[in-house]
């Protein structure tokens, strides 16, 4: 049994650190892992939805944004608990539905890390729109509103975007080679058998608000 003084001291350390692992909490409480898990439930602690759920935080320490998300030192927490619940919430409350890249940008994860889960999330409807899958609320009125607004926004944005699969390869390449030109990115992807163009890459980077640091080798669209 953990005495009150030790628990209070641990809570003070927990609040100061903001996030802690199970191992560190067990060390401070001087108890077993099952006991720590029980204490975390009693405290109403949050579990990170990235980093394999290794980190915990107290709910009154987290500073959630308008989407109910809190990101601290590369560790991400959600007011909605699991990643599945979080994706369901952000999609159902979005104005025009969300595709995988848009979801990834919101939750701070590469789409390939959660795309397999998207089909299994209840409360969502998936449709292909302009070469990519878009996720909407399955509630009829919200779905109609989201779909209509996406169509309107699409008319205002004539730039062609690559497919979801192509977008993932482009964004991963961008992360690995942040100082490369768009042309160099295209060359690398074509060597891997990906039929992307300079226009595809430019449009995707512009869509996500990512500016390249170096000029293109060529200024043509192919």
Protein backbone atom coordinates (compact mmCIF):
# COMPACT_ATOMS: atom_id res chain seq x y z
CA UNK A 1 0.00 0.00 0.00
CA UNK A 2 1.26 3.48 -0.90
CA UNK A 3 1.21 6.04 1.89
CA UNK A 4 -0.39 9.43 1.25
CA UNK A 5 2.84 11.40 1.64
CA UNK A 6 4.65 9.37 -1.03
CA UNK A 7 1.69 9.65 -3.39
CA UNK A 8 1.50 13.43 -2.92
CA UNK A 9 5.23 13.82 -3.56
CA UNK A 10 4.94 11.71 -6.71
CA UNK A 11 2.01 13.78 -7.93
CA UNK A 12 4.07 16.95 -7.39
CA UNK A 13 6.92 15.49 -9.46
CA UNK A 14 4.42 14.32 -12.09
CA UNK A 15 2.91 17.81 -12.43
CA UNK A 16 6.34 19.42 -12.63
CA UNK A 17 7.58 16.95 -15.26
CA UNK A 18 4.26 17.19 -17.14
CA UNK A 19 4.75 13.76 -18.71
CA UNK A 20 6.19 10.54 -17.25
CA UNK A 21 6.59 6.88 -18.13
CA UNK A 22 5.24 3.96 -16.16
CA UNK A 23 8.77 3.00 -15.12
CA UNK A 24 9.54 6.41 -13.63
CA UNK A 25 6.23 6.55 -11.79
CA UNK A 26 6.84 3.07 -10.35
CA UNK A 27 10.25 4.25 -9.15
CA UNK A 28 8.82 7.31 -7.38
CA UNK A 29 5.93 5.40 -5.86
CA UNK A 30 8.15 2.41 -5.06
CA UNK A 31 5.49 -0.06 -6.16
CA UNK A 32 4.62 -2.58 -8.86
CA UNK A 33 3.44 -1.76 -12.39
CA UNK A 34 -0.15 -2.97 -11.75
CA UNK A 35 -0.34 -0.65 -8.73
CA UNK A 36 0.88 2.29 -10.82
CA UNK A 37 -1.73 1.55 -13.48
CA UNK A 38 -4.42 1.56 -10.80
CA UNK A 39 -3.18 4.90 -9.49
CA UNK A 40 -3.18 6.34 -13.01
CA UNK A 41 -6.83 5.31 -13.42
CA UNK A 42 -7.68 6.89 -10.07
CA UNK A 43 -5.91 10.10 -11.11
CA UNK A 44 -7.72 10.14 -14.46
CA UNK A 45 -4.38 10.29 -16.26
CA UNK A 46 -4.05 10.50 -20.03
CA UNK A 47 -2.11 8.03 -22.18
CA UNK A 48 -0.14 9.26 -25.20
CA UNK A 49 -1.52 8.22 -28.58
CA UNK A 50 1.97 8.11 -30.09
CA UNK A 51 5.25 6.67 -28.78
CA UNK A 52 3.44 3.33 -28.28
CA UNK A 53 1.38 4.80 -25.44
CA UNK A 54 4.45 4.88 -23.16
CA UNK A 55 3.83 8.32 -21.67
CA UNK A 56 1.23 9.58 -19.23
CA UNK A 57 0.03 13.02 -18.17
CA UNK A 58 -2.46 14.42 -15.69
CA UNK A 59 -5.55 15.83 -17.38
CA UNK A 60 -5.34 19.11 -15.44
CA UNK A 61 -1.79 19.64 -16.73
CA UNK A 62 -2.56 19.13 -20.42
CA UNK A 63 -3.24 22.27 -22.47
CA UNK A 64 -5.57 21.14 -25.22
CA UNK A 65 -6.02 23.05 -28.47
CA UNK A 66 -9.32 23.61 -30.29
CA UNK A 67 -9.23 19.99 -31.53
CA UNK A 68 -8.71 18.58 -28.05
CA UNK A 69 -5.03 17.79 -28.70
CA UNK A 70 -1.93 18.54 -26.62
CA UNK A 71 1.60 18.03 -27.95
CA UNK A 72 4.52 18.25 -25.55
CA UNK A 73 8.15 17.45 -26.42
CA UNK A 74 7.13 15.16 -29.26
CA UNK A 75 4.59 13.27 -27.15
CA UNK A 76 0.93 13.63 -28.16
CA UNK A 77 -2.19 13.41 -26.01
CA UNK A 78 -5.86 13.70 -26.83
CA UNK A 79 -8.84 14.81 -24.83
CA UNK A 80 -10.66 12.00 -26.64
CA UNK A 81 -8.33 9.25 -25.43
CA UNK A 82 -7.24 6.84 -28.15
CA UNK A 83 -6.09 7.71 -31.65
CA UNK A 84 -9.23 6.07 -33.09
CA UNK A 85 -11.51 8.22 -30.93
CA UNK A 86 -9.47 11.29 -31.81
CA UNK A 87 -9.68 10.69 -35.56
CA UNK A 88 -13.41 10.06 -35.25
CA UNK A 89 -13.86 13.35 -33.40
CA UNK A 90 -11.77 15.54 -35.73
CA UNK A 91 -13.41 14.07 -38.84
CA UNK A 92 -16.97 14.34 -37.57
CA UNK A 93 -16.37 17.92 -36.42
CA UNK A 94 -14.54 19.05 -39.55
CA UNK A 95 -16.27 21.44 -41.93
CA UNK A 96 -15.51 19.55 -45.15
CA UNK A 97 -14.41 16.07 -44.11
CA UNK A 98 -10.73 15.13 -44.05
CA UNK A 99 -8.42 13.02 -46.18
CA UNK A 100 -5.55 11.00 -44.69
CA UNK A 101 -2.99 13.77 -45.24
CA UNK A 102 -5.24 16.33 -43.54
CA UNK A 103 -5.85 14.00 -40.60
CA UNK A 104 -2.11 13.37 -40.33
CA UNK A 105 -1.38 17.07 -40.25
CA UNK A 106 -3.89 17.60 -37.42
CA UNK A 107 -2.78 14.71 -35.20
CA UNK A 108 0.92 15.13 -36.02
CA UNK A 109 1.47 11.65 -37.47
CA UNK A 110 2.42 10.30 -40.89
CA UNK A 111 -0.72 8.92 -42.55
CA UNK A 112 0.86 5.52 -43.13
CA UNK A 113 1.00 5.00 -39.35
CA UNK A 114 -2.78 5.03 -38.99
CA UNK A 115 -4.32 4.54 -42.45
CA UNK A 116 -5.01 0.85 -41.82
CA UNK A 117 -7.16 1.82 -38.81
CA UNK A 118 -9.32 4.33 -40.67
CA UNK A 119 -11.62 1.74 -42.25
CA UNK A 120 -12.36 0.26 -38.83
CA UNK A 121 -13.40 3.51 -37.14
CA UNK A 122 -17.13 3.63 -36.50
CA UNK A 123 -19.07 6.80 -37.15
CA UNK A 124 -17.20 7.65 -40.36
CA UNK A 125 -18.01 7.35 -44.04
CA UNK A 126 -15.30 6.99 -46.70
CA UNK A 127 -15.55 8.11 -50.32
CA UNK A 128 -13.03 8.60 -53.09
CA UNK A 129 -12.78 12.22 -54.17
CA UNK A 130 -10.31 13.45 -56.79
CA UNK A 131 -7.96 10.45 -56.55
CA UNK A 132 -7.93 10.28 -52.75
CA UNK A 133 -10.17 8.90 -50.03
CA UNK A 134 -11.99 11.47 -47.93
CA UNK A 135 -13.56 10.64 -44.57
CA UNK A 136 -16.84 12.20 -43.52
CA UNK A 137 -19.26 11.87 -40.63
CA UNK A 138 -21.77 9.05 -41.11
CA UNK A 139 -24.53 11.31 -39.76
CA UNK A 140 -26.59 12.19 -42.86
CA UNK A 141 -27.01 15.93 -42.32
CA UNK A 142 -23.36 16.47 -41.35
CA UNK A 143 -22.17 14.28 -44.22
CA UNK A 144 -24.16 16.28 -46.79
CA UNK A 145 -22.84 19.56 -45.41
CA UNK A 146 -19.22 18.35 -45.35
CA UNK A 147 -19.41 16.91 -48.86
CA UNK A 148 -20.96 20.08 -50.31
CA UNK A 149 -18.36 22.32 -48.71
CA UNK A 150 -15.50 20.14 -49.97
CA UNK A 151 -16.86 20.41 -53.49
CA UNK A 152 -17.05 24.20 -53.14
CA UNK A 153 -13.51 24.43 -51.76
CA UNK A 154 -12.23 22.19 -54.54
CA UNK A 155 -13.52 24.65 -57.15
CA UNK A 156 -11.57 27.44 -55.48
CA UNK A 157 -8.38 25.37 -55.47
CA UNK A 158 -7.65 24.30 -59.06
CA UNK A 159 -4.28 22.78 -58.24
CA UNK A 160 -4.12 19.03 -58.82
CA UNK A 161 -2.95 17.01 -55.82
CA UNK A 162 -1.30 13.57 -55.92
CA UNK A 163 -3.11 10.51 -54.60
CA UNK A 164 -2.94 9.55 -50.91
CA UNK A 165 -0.31 6.89 -51.61
CA UNK A 166 1.82 9.30 -53.67
CA UNK A 167 1.41 12.02 -51.03
CA UNK A 168 2.79 9.71 -48.33
CA UNK A 169 5.92 8.93 -50.38
CA UNK A 170 6.43 12.63 -51.13
CA UNK A 171 6.05 13.71 -47.50
CA UNK A 172 8.33 10.93 -46.23
CA UNK A 173 10.96 11.94 -48.79
CA UNK A 174 10.57 15.56 -47.71
CA UNK A 175 11.20 14.63 -44.07
CA UNK A 176 14.29 12.59 -44.95
CA UNK A 177 15.69 15.13 -47.43
CA UNK A 178 14.44 18.51 -46.21
CA UNK A 179 17.18 20.46 -48.02
CA UNK A 180 16.62 18.83 -51.41
CA UNK A 181 14.97 20.54 -54.37
CA UNK A 182 11.63 19.42 -55.75
CA UNK A 183 13.43 18.06 -58.83
CA UNK A 184 15.70 15.88 -56.67
CA UNK A 185 12.66 14.60 -54.77
CA UNK A 186 10.97 13.62 -58.05
CA UNK A 187 14.13 11.89 -59.28
CA UNK A 188 14.38 9.79 -56.11
CA UNK A 189 10.72 8.81 -56.23
CA UNK A 190 10.84 7.91 -59.92
CA UNK A 191 13.78 5.60 -59.23
CA UNK A 192 11.44 3.83 -56.80
CA UNK A 193 8.83 3.47 -59.54
CA UNK A 194 6.57 6.33 -58.42
CA UNK A 195 5.11 8.31 -61.33
CA UNK A 196 5.04 11.75 -59.71
CA UNK A 197 5.79 15.05 -61.41
CA UNK A 198 7.33 18.30 -60.21
CA UNK A 199 3.85 19.83 -60.35
CA UNK A 200 2.51 17.08 -58.06
CA UNK A 201 5.22 17.73 -55.47
CA UNK A 202 4.91 21.52 -55.64
CA UNK A 203 1.14 21.41 -55.26
CA UNK A 204 1.30 19.04 -52.29
CA UNK A 205 3.93 21.13 -50.49
CA UNK A 206 1.94 24.30 -51.15
CA UNK A 207 -1.25 22.59 -49.95
CA UNK A 208 0.42 21.73 -46.63
CA UNK A 209 2.16 25.09 -46.33
CA UNK A 210 5.63 23.55 -46.61
CA UNK A 211 8.22 25.78 -48.24
CA UNK A 212 11.27 24.28 -49.88
CA UNK A 213 14.61 25.71 -48.76
CA UNK A 214 16.51 25.32 -52.02
CA UNK A 215 15.56 26.31 -55.58
CA UNK A 216 14.50 23.72 -58.13
CA UNK A 217 17.08 22.52 -60.60
CA UNK A 218 14.51 22.92 -63.36
CA UNK A 219 11.54 25.25 -63.49
CA UNK A 220 9.47 23.17 -65.91
CA UNK A 221 6.46 21.15 -64.78
CA UNK A 222 7.84 17.75 -65.77
